[in-house]
Amino acid sequence: MMDVVRVTTSKEVEIIDITEKVREIVRKSGVEDGIVVVFTKHTTAGIIINENESGLISDLEKTLEKLIPKGAGYSHDRIDNNAHSHLRAIILGSSVVIPVENGRLALGTWQSVLFVELDGPRTREIYVKVCKC
């Protein structure tokens, strides 16, 4: 089963918890044991798994800015001034795979599925594929 989650972001960098939307797709799929792939085809966004805690979210945003600052003389900026967004997305990755056990996401206690907007505000699509194994 494949479904699409649409999110509309309101800031240049924004982290959105999509765990409940992914859980609902898994539930609707009827798959008891398998995997779910969560993927964004956008080159200036990422998908990660981590704790959705405000301090950690703030730390992530600050760390991305420190590691890959905006306007640091990147060659790609001559096209559309968002090389930093692309480079940050490369570091984060565009997908995660999560086991499905007994019809539920096999996430750890503090784990959440997070969509990371790096070049917003925009409307984005996240593909969620549930597979029976």
Protein backbone atom coordinates (compact mmCIF):
# COMPACT_ATOMS: atom_id res chain seq x y z
CA MET A 1 0.00 0.00 0.00
CA MET A 2 1.22 3.48 -0.88
CA ASP A 3 -0.09 6.77 0.45
CA VAL A 4 1.02 10.40 0.37
CA VAL A 5 1.23 12.75 3.33
CA ARG A 6 1.07 16.43 2.42
CA VAL A 7 2.52 19.07 4.71
CA THR A 8 2.58 22.83 4.36
CA THR A 9 5.47 24.48 6.12
CA SER A 10 5.54 28.06 7.35
CA LYS A 11 9.25 28.70 7.94
CA GLU A 12 12.52 28.25 6.07
CA VAL A 13 13.60 25.52 8.49
CA GLU A 14 10.83 23.61 10.21
CA ILE A 15 10.63 20.17 11.78
CA ILE A 16 7.24 18.47 11.69
CA ASP A 17 6.32 15.27 13.51
CA ILE A 18 4.51 12.99 11.05
CA THR A 19 4.51 9.87 13.25
CA GLU A 20 0.74 9.76 13.75
CA LYS A 21 0.08 10.13 10.03
CA VAL A 22 2.47 7.24 9.30
CA ARG A 23 0.83 5.15 12.04
CA GLU A 24 -2.60 5.75 10.50
CA ILE A 25 -1.37 4.65 7.06
CA VAL A 26 0.10 1.48 8.56
CA ARG A 27 -3.16 0.81 10.39
CA LYS A 28 -5.23 1.30 7.21
CA SER A 29 -2.90 -1.01 5.25
CA GLY A 30 -3.78 -4.01 7.39
CA VAL A 31 -0.15 -5.16 7.29
CA GLU A 32 0.68 -7.02 10.49
CA ASP A 33 4.36 -7.76 9.88
CA GLY A 34 6.49 -5.93 7.35
CA ILE A 35 8.17 -2.60 6.79
CA VAL A 36 7.18 0.95 6.06
CA VAL A 37 9.31 3.26 3.93
CA VAL A 38 8.87 7.00 4.48
CA PHE A 39 10.41 9.00 1.62
CA THR A 40 10.53 12.56 0.35
CA LYS A 41 11.54 13.22 -3.24
CA HIS A 42 12.38 16.83 -2.44
CA THR A 43 16.08 17.69 -2.55
CA THR A 44 15.79 20.39 0.11
CA ALA A 45 14.00 18.36 2.78
CA GLY A 46 14.81 15.35 4.93
CA ILE A 47 13.20 12.50 6.85
CA ILE A 48 14.72 11.47 10.17
CA ILE A 49 13.87 9.46 13.27
CA ASN A 50 14.59 11.04 16.61
CA GLU A 51 13.01 12.46 19.74
CA ASN A 52 10.45 15.20 19.23
CA GLU A 53 11.52 17.36 22.15
CA SER A 54 11.60 21.15 21.77
CA GLY A 55 15.15 21.55 23.08
CA LEU A 56 16.48 18.85 20.77
CA ILE A 57 14.58 20.32 17.82
CA SER A 58 16.14 23.72 18.53
CA ASP A 59 19.57 22.09 18.89
CA LEU A 60 19.15 20.37 15.53
CA GLU A 61 18.22 23.61 13.80
CA LYS A 62 21.22 25.41 15.36
CA THR A 63 23.59 22.55 14.51
CA LEU A 64 22.52 22.51 10.85
CA GLU A 65 23.09 26.28 10.68
CA LYS A 66 26.52 25.95 12.30
CA LEU A 67 27.65 23.01 10.15
CA ILE A 68 26.25 24.30 6.86
CA PRO A 69 25.63 28.05 7.09
CA LYS A 70 23.52 29.93 4.59
CA GLY A 71 25.42 32.09 2.12
CA ALA A 72 28.88 30.59 2.64
CA GLY A 73 29.93 30.97 -0.98
CA TYR A 74 28.53 27.71 -2.40
CA SER A 75 28.69 27.30 -6.18
CA HIS A 76 25.04 26.24 -6.41
CA ASP A 77 23.92 29.58 -4.93
CA ARG A 78 24.41 31.18 -8.34
CA ILE A 79 21.29 29.29 -9.48
CA ASP A 80 18.76 29.82 -6.68
CA ASN A 81 20.58 30.73 -3.46
CA ASN A 82 19.66 27.55 -1.57
CA ALA A 83 22.79 25.40 -1.68
CA HIS A 84 22.77 25.23 2.12
CA SER A 85 19.33 23.59 2.00
CA HIS A 86 20.51 20.93 -0.46
CA LEU A 87 23.66 20.21 1.55
CA ARG A 88 21.71 19.90 4.80
CA ALA A 89 19.27 17.48 3.11
CA ILE A 90 22.19 15.33 1.96
CA ILE A 91 23.38 15.04 5.56
CA LEU A 92 19.91 14.15 6.92
CA GLY A 93 18.79 11.78 4.17
CA SER A 94 15.55 11.47 2.24
CA SER A 95 14.05 8.31 3.74
CA VAL A 96 13.72 5.99 6.71
CA VAL A 97 12.63 2.36 6.96
CA ILE A 98 10.71 1.21 10.01
CA PRO A 99 9.73 -2.37 10.89
CA VAL A 100 6.03 -3.09 11.35
CA GLU A 101 5.30 -5.65 14.05
CA ASN A 102 1.79 -6.75 15.02
CA GLY A 103 0.36 -3.93 12.88
CA ARG A 104 2.34 -1.23 14.69
CA LEU A 105 5.45 0.83 14.03
CA ALA A 106 8.38 -0.74 15.87
CA LEU A 107 9.72 2.59 17.13
CA GLY A 108 11.56 3.07 20.39
CA THR A 109 9.91 4.84 23.30
CA TRP A 110 11.19 8.29 22.36
CA GLN A 111 11.41 7.87 18.58
CA SER A 112 9.30 9.92 16.20
CA VAL A 113 9.25 10.21 12.42
CA LEU A 114 10.19 13.79 11.59
CA PHE A 115 9.93 15.69 8.32
CA VAL A 116 12.62 18.37 8.11
CA GLU A 117 11.87 21.35 5.88
CA LEU A 118 15.07 23.11 4.82
CA ASP A 119 13.88 25.55 2.13
CA GLY A 120 10.41 26.68 3.11
CA PRO A 121 7.81 27.75 3.34
CA ARG A 122 6.45 25.20 0.86
CA THR A 123 3.89 22.48 0.38
CA ARG A 124 5.60 19.08 0.40
CA GLU A 125 4.67 15.47 -0.29
CA ILE A 126 5.94 12.53 1.72
CA TYR A 127 5.48 9.05 0.29
CA VAL A 128 4.65 6.23 2.68
CA LYS A 129 4.89 2.66 1.37
CA VAL A 130 3.82 -0.23 3.60
CA CYS A 131 5.05 -3.67 2.54
CA LYS A 132 4.23 -7.10 3.90
CA CYS A 133 7.26 -9.30 4.52
